[in-house]
Amino acid sequence: MGSELTLFTTNCPKCKILEKKMNDKKINFKLETDVTELIDMGFTTAPVLKIDNDYLDFGEAIKWVNKQ
């Protein structure tokens, strides 16, 4: 997998669920707790998974992880 993954998290319950699922699947990702970039882009909820230049909300990210 050549994609660059970043998990933007506030350490909320949903963030922890997504982080655990990714760790369980041994998916390599960067953890980012400074959500300024997301706020600047208009996101109002976390977590957000950035895959290269695509941003997935919690539901989309869970679906993506489950397919890996």
N, C-alpha and C. Protein backbone atom coordinates (compact mmCIF):
# COMPACT_ATOMS: atom_id res chain seq x y z
N MET A 1 0.86 -1.18 0.00
CA MET A 1 0.00 0.00 0.00
C MET A 1 0.90 1.23 0.00
N GLY A 2 0.84 2.04 -1.04
CA GLY A 2 1.69 3.19 -1.16
C GLY A 2 1.06 4.49 -0.74
N SER A 3 -0.12 4.42 -0.16
CA SER A 3 -0.83 5.63 0.23
C SER A 3 -0.28 6.19 1.53
N GLU A 4 -0.36 7.51 1.66
CA GLU A 4 0.01 8.17 2.90
C GLU A 4 -1.26 8.37 3.71
N LEU A 5 -1.29 7.81 4.92
CA LEU A 5 -2.48 7.88 5.76
C LEU A 5 -2.22 8.72 7.00
N THR A 6 -3.16 9.60 7.30
CA THR A 6 -3.11 10.40 8.51
C THR A 6 -4.46 10.31 9.19
N LEU A 7 -4.44 9.96 10.48
CA LEU A 7 -5.67 9.93 11.27
C LEU A 7 -5.70 11.17 12.14
N PHE A 8 -6.66 12.05 11.85
CA PHE A 8 -6.87 13.24 12.66
C PHE A 8 -7.80 12.85 13.80
N THR A 9 -7.36 13.06 15.04
CA THR A 9 -8.09 12.58 16.19
C THR A 9 -8.14 13.61 17.31
N THR A 10 -9.23 13.57 18.03
CA THR A 10 -9.36 14.35 19.27
C THR A 10 -9.37 13.40 20.47
N ASN A 11 -9.10 12.12 20.20
CA ASN A 11 -9.13 11.07 21.21
C ASN A 11 -10.53 10.85 21.79
N CYS A 12 -11.54 11.17 20.99
CA CYS A 12 -12.91 10.91 21.39
C CYS A 12 -13.19 9.41 21.23
N PRO A 13 -14.33 8.91 21.73
CA PRO A 13 -14.63 7.47 21.59
C PRO A 13 -14.58 6.97 20.15
N LYS A 14 -15.14 7.70 19.20
CA LYS A 14 -15.11 7.28 17.79
C LYS A 14 -13.67 7.25 17.27
N CYS A 15 -12.89 8.25 17.67
CA CYS A 15 -11.48 8.30 17.25
C CYS A 15 -10.75 7.06 17.74
N LYS A 16 -10.99 6.69 18.98
CA LYS A 16 -10.32 5.53 19.57
C LYS A 16 -10.74 4.24 18.87
N ILE A 17 -12.02 4.13 18.49
CA ILE A 17 -12.51 2.96 17.76
C ILE A 17 -11.79 2.83 16.43
N LEU A 18 -11.73 3.93 15.68
CA LEU A 18 -11.07 3.89 14.36
C LEU A 18 -9.58 3.58 14.51
N GLU A 19 -8.93 4.21 15.48
CA GLU A 19 -7.50 3.96 15.69
C GLU A 19 -7.26 2.48 16.03
N LYS A 20 -8.09 1.90 16.89
CA LYS A 20 -7.95 0.50 17.27
C LYS A 20 -8.14 -0.42 16.05
N LYS A 21 -9.17 -0.14 15.24
CA LYS A 21 -9.42 -0.96 14.05
C LYS A 21 -8.21 -0.92 13.11
N MET A 22 -7.63 0.27 12.95
CA MET A 22 -6.48 0.40 12.06
C MET A 22 -5.27 -0.33 12.63
N ASN A 23 -5.07 -0.23 13.93
CA ASN A 23 -3.95 -0.95 14.56
C ASN A 23 -4.16 -2.46 14.47
N ASP A 24 -5.40 -2.91 14.69
CA ASP A 24 -5.70 -4.34 14.61
C ASP A 24 -5.41 -4.91 13.22
N LYS A 25 -5.63 -4.09 12.19
CA LYS A 25 -5.38 -4.52 10.80
C LYS A 25 -3.94 -4.25 10.37
N LYS A 26 -3.14 -3.73 11.31
CA LYS A 26 -1.73 -3.41 11.05
C LYS A 26 -1.57 -2.43 9.89
N ILE A 27 -2.45 -1.43 9.85
CA ILE A 27 -2.38 -0.38 8.84
C ILE A 27 -1.46 0.72 9.38
N ASN A 28 -0.45 1.08 8.61
CA ASN A 28 0.47 2.14 9.02
C ASN A 28 -0.16 3.50 8.76
N PHE A 29 -0.10 4.36 9.77
CA PHE A 29 -0.67 5.69 9.64
C PHE A 29 0.02 6.64 10.60
N LYS A 30 -0.09 7.91 10.27
CA LYS A 30 0.42 8.98 11.14
C LYS A 30 -0.75 9.46 11.98
N LEU A 31 -0.51 9.67 13.26
CA LEU A 31 -1.54 10.16 14.17
C LEU A 31 -1.37 11.67 14.31
N GLU A 32 -2.43 12.42 14.08
CA GLU A 32 -2.37 13.88 14.15
C GLU A 32 -3.44 14.37 15.12
N THR A 33 -3.00 15.02 16.20
CA THR A 33 -3.95 15.53 17.19
C THR A 33 -4.23 17.02 17.02
N ASP A 34 -3.46 17.69 16.17
CA ASP A 34 -3.72 19.11 15.87
C ASP A 34 -4.72 19.14 14.72
N VAL A 35 -5.97 19.42 15.04
CA VAL A 35 -7.04 19.36 14.05
C VAL A 35 -7.27 20.70 13.35
N THR A 36 -6.32 21.62 13.48
CA THR A 36 -6.45 22.93 12.86
C THR A 36 -6.69 22.82 11.36
N GLU A 37 -5.95 21.92 10.70
CA GLU A 37 -6.11 21.72 9.25
C GLU A 37 -7.55 21.35 8.92
N LEU A 38 -8.14 20.46 9.71
CA LEU A 38 -9.52 20.03 9.46
C LEU A 38 -10.50 21.18 9.64
N ILE A 39 -10.32 21.93 10.73
CA ILE A 39 -11.21 23.07 10.99
C ILE A 39 -11.11 24.07 9.85
N ASP A 40 -9.89 24.34 9.40
CA ASP A 40 -9.67 25.28 8.29
C ASP A 40 -10.35 24.81 7.01
N MET A 41 -10.50 23.48 6.84
CA MET A 41 -11.14 22.92 5.65
C MET A 41 -12.65 22.77 5.83
N GLY A 42 -13.17 23.11 7.00
CA GLY A 42 -14.61 23.07 7.21
C GLY A 42 -15.14 21.83 7.89
N PHE A 43 -14.25 20.91 8.30
CA PHE A 43 -14.71 19.72 9.03
C PHE A 43 -15.13 20.13 10.44
N THR A 44 -16.21 19.54 10.90
CA THR A 44 -16.71 19.88 12.23
C THR A 44 -16.75 18.68 13.17
N THR A 45 -16.38 17.51 12.67
CA THR A 45 -16.37 16.31 13.51
C THR A 45 -15.08 15.54 13.31
N ALA A 46 -14.75 14.75 14.29
CA ALA A 46 -13.58 13.86 14.22
C ALA A 46 -14.07 12.47 14.58
N PRO A 47 -13.38 11.45 14.15
CA PRO A 47 -12.11 11.46 13.44
C PRO A 47 -12.29 11.67 11.95
N VAL A 48 -11.19 12.04 11.31
CA VAL A 48 -11.13 12.12 9.86
C VAL A 48 -9.87 11.37 9.43
N LEU A 49 -10.02 10.49 8.46
CA LEU A 49 -8.88 9.75 7.92
C LEU A 49 -8.52 10.35 6.58
N LYS A 50 -7.29 10.81 6.48
CA LYS A 50 -6.79 11.37 5.22
C LYS A 50 -5.98 10.29 4.52
N ILE A 51 -6.38 9.96 3.30
CA ILE A 51 -5.66 9.00 2.47
C ILE A 51 -5.18 9.76 1.25
N ASP A 52 -3.87 10.00 1.19
CA ASP A 52 -3.29 10.88 0.18
C ASP A 52 -3.99 12.23 0.25
N ASN A 53 -4.84 12.57 -0.73
CA ASN A 53 -5.53 13.86 -0.71
C ASN A 53 -7.04 13.70 -0.52
N ASP A 54 -7.48 12.52 -0.10
CA ASP A 54 -8.90 12.27 0.15
C ASP A 54 -9.15 12.23 1.65
N TYR A 55 -10.28 12.79 2.06
CA TYR A 55 -10.64 12.83 3.47
C TYR A 55 -11.90 12.00 3.68
N LEU A 56 -11.85 11.07 4.66
CA LEU A 56 -12.98 10.21 4.96
C LEU A 56 -13.48 10.51 6.37
N ASP A 57 -14.80 10.66 6.51
CA ASP A 57 -15.36 10.82 7.85
C ASP A 57 -15.38 9.46 8.54
N PHE A 58 -15.88 9.40 9.76
CA PHE A 58 -15.84 8.18 10.56
C PHE A 58 -16.46 7.00 9.82
N GLY A 59 -17.68 7.17 9.32
CA GLY A 59 -18.38 6.07 8.65
C GLY A 59 -17.65 5.58 7.42
N GLU A 60 -17.18 6.51 6.60
CA GLU A 60 -16.44 6.13 5.39
C GLU A 60 -15.12 5.46 5.75
N ALA A 61 -14.46 5.98 6.79
CA ALA A 61 -13.17 5.43 7.21
C ALA A 61 -13.31 4.00 7.73
N ILE A 62 -14.36 3.74 8.50
CA ILE A 62 -14.61 2.39 9.02
C ILE A 62 -14.82 1.42 7.85
N LYS A 63 -15.61 1.84 6.85
CA LYS A 63 -15.83 0.99 5.68
C LYS A 63 -14.52 0.71 4.96
N TRP A 64 -13.68 1.75 4.81
CA TRP A 64 -12.40 1.59 4.12
C TRP A 64 -11.51 0.61 4.89
N VAL A 65 -11.41 0.78 6.21
CA VAL A 65 -10.58 -0.10 7.03
C VAL A 65 -11.06 -1.54 6.94
N ASN A 66 -12.37 -1.73 6.98
CA ASN A 66 -12.94 -3.08 6.94
C ASN A 66 -12.59 -3.80 5.63
N LYS A 67 -12.37 -3.04 4.54
CA LYS A 67 -12.04 -3.64 3.24
C LYS A 67 -10.56 -4.00 3.12
N GLN A 68 -9.75 -3.52 4.06
CA GLN A 68 -8.31 -3.73 3.98
C GLN A 68 -7.94 -5.11 4.50
